[in-house]
Amino acid sequence: MPRKSVDSHDRDERREDVLRPCPYLGYDRDRLAMHLVERGAYDIAESQFRRAIWLNPFEPRFKTHLAWCLYKQGRHADALACLAEVSEAEMDADMKAIVRLIEQGVSMKSVEEGG
């Protein structure tokens, strides 16, 4: 039995690889990654966000969520670089709120280090 589930998983990933880039892929991985971020499993979440972006580079929400994950890991420069790839026109209100939180957190960190 376990062999069958491994084959199924591999088959699903191969299918995704063949279909990419596709505007319909990656949403399941993004949902999983957001759940992992809520639980503090940032390393695993980051890999899922990166996979979602790789599968569907058309969805700006994935990059914004990855930036939030990187920020939560203390990787502020990486988070800001990730956000730079998303235009403001592509952002909805939730995404803009994430950007504001990251920018506020980075600026507060700069003040703490300088003072």
Protein backbone atom coordinates (compact mmCIF):
# COMPACT_ATOMS: atom_id res chain seq x y z
CA MET A 1 0.00 0.00 0.00
CA PRO A 2 2.60 2.69 0.90
CA ARG A 3 4.27 2.19 -2.47
CA LYS A 4 1.07 3.15 -4.25
CA SER A 5 0.72 6.46 -2.37
CA VAL A 6 4.36 7.36 -3.14
CA ASP A 7 3.76 6.62 -6.83
CA SER A 8 0.61 8.73 -6.75
CA HIS A 9 2.47 11.64 -5.14
CA ASP A 10 5.28 11.42 -7.70
CA ARG A 11 2.74 11.24 -10.51
CA ASP A 12 0.96 14.35 -9.21
CA GLU A 13 4.23 16.29 -9.03
CA ARG A 14 5.22 15.18 -12.54
CA ARG A 15 1.79 16.29 -13.78
CA GLU A 16 2.26 19.70 -12.17
CA ASP A 17 5.71 20.02 -13.70
CA VAL A 18 4.35 19.33 -17.17
CA LEU A 19 1.50 21.83 -16.79
CA ARG A 20 3.56 24.70 -15.40
CA PRO A 21 3.51 27.63 -15.68
CA CYS A 22 -0.22 27.67 -15.24
CA PRO A 23 -2.56 30.24 -13.65
CA TYR A 24 -4.60 27.44 -12.03
CA LEU A 25 -1.81 25.72 -10.11
CA GLY A 26 -0.26 26.42 -6.73
CA TYR A 27 -3.30 27.43 -4.72
CA ASP A 28 -3.36 24.19 -2.73
CA ARG A 29 0.30 24.61 -1.84
CA ASP A 30 -0.29 28.24 -0.84
CA ARG A 31 -3.13 27.20 1.52
CA LEU A 32 -0.94 24.51 3.05
CA ALA A 33 1.93 26.94 3.46
CA MET A 34 -0.28 29.56 5.14
CA HIS A 35 -1.41 26.89 7.60
CA LEU A 36 2.25 26.03 8.27
CA VAL A 37 3.09 29.71 8.85
CA GLU A 38 0.30 29.90 11.43
CA ARG A 39 1.89 26.92 13.18
CA GLY A 40 5.41 28.40 13.05
CA ALA A 41 6.79 25.84 10.58
CA TYR A 42 8.42 28.52 8.45
CA ASP A 43 11.04 26.39 6.67
CA ILE A 44 8.45 23.94 5.38
CA ALA A 45 6.07 26.77 4.51
CA GLU A 46 8.79 28.56 2.56
CA SER A 47 9.38 25.51 0.37
CA GLN A 48 5.65 25.25 -0.37
CA PHE A 49 5.40 28.95 -1.24
CA ARG A 50 8.39 28.64 -3.56
CA ARG A 51 6.81 25.62 -5.25
CA ALA A 52 3.53 27.54 -5.67
CA ILE A 53 5.39 30.47 -7.24
CA TRP A 54 7.32 28.13 -9.52
CA LEU A 55 4.10 26.46 -10.65
CA ASN A 56 2.17 29.71 -11.06
CA PRO A 57 4.32 32.83 -11.37
CA PHE A 58 1.20 34.79 -12.38
CA GLU A 59 -0.28 34.95 -8.84
CA PRO A 60 1.15 37.89 -6.85
CA ARG A 61 -0.45 36.62 -3.61
CA PHE A 62 2.05 33.73 -3.50
CA LYS A 63 5.00 36.15 -3.53
CA THR A 64 3.40 38.30 -0.86
CA HIS A 65 2.80 35.26 1.34
CA LEU A 66 6.40 34.14 0.79
CA ALA A 67 7.57 37.61 1.83
CA TRP A 68 5.54 37.31 5.04
CA CYS A 69 7.08 33.91 5.74
CA LEU A 70 10.59 35.27 5.16
CA TYR A 71 9.84 38.24 7.41
CA LYS A 72 8.63 35.90 10.18
CA GLN A 73 12.00 34.11 9.88
CA GLY A 74 13.83 37.41 10.42
CA ARG A 75 14.99 37.53 6.79
CA HIS A 76 13.87 41.11 6.23
CA ALA A 77 16.03 41.88 3.20
CA ASP A 78 14.78 38.74 1.44
CA ALA A 79 11.18 39.67 2.29
CA LEU A 80 11.58 43.15 0.85
CA ALA A 81 13.23 41.75 -2.28
CA CYS A 82 10.31 39.38 -2.72
CA LEU A 83 7.84 42.24 -2.36
CA ALA A 84 9.73 44.24 -4.96
CA GLU A 85 8.64 41.64 -7.52
CA VAL A 86 4.96 42.50 -6.96
CA SER A 87 3.52 45.72 -8.36
CA GLU A 88 1.14 47.71 -6.19
CA ALA A 89 -1.50 47.46 -8.91
CA GLU A 90 -1.55 43.67 -8.45
CA MET A 91 -2.15 43.89 -4.70
CA ASP A 92 -5.47 43.62 -2.93
CA ALA A 93 -6.15 45.13 0.52
CA ASP A 94 -4.88 42.06 2.42
CA MET A 95 -1.65 42.01 0.45
CA LYS A 96 -1.11 45.74 1.07
CA ALA A 97 -1.63 45.14 4.79
CA ILE A 98 1.11 42.49 4.75
CA VAL A 99 3.43 44.91 2.96
CA ARG A 100 2.75 47.62 5.57
CA LEU A 101 3.42 45.20 8.44
CA ILE A 102 6.70 44.08 6.89
CA GLU A 103 7.83 47.64 6.14
CA GLN A 104 6.91 48.80 9.67
CA GLY A 105 8.71 45.84 11.20
CA VAL A 106 11.83 46.40 9.11
CA SER A 107 11.93 50.12 9.92
CA MET A 108 11.45 49.41 13.65
CA LYS A 109 14.27 46.86 13.48
CA SER A 110 16.53 49.47 11.85
CA VAL A 111 15.78 51.97 14.61
CA GLU A 112 16.49 49.36 17.31
CA GLU A 113 19.82 48.42 15.74
CA GLY A 114 20.82 52.06 15.29
CA GLY A 115 19.87 53.08 18.84
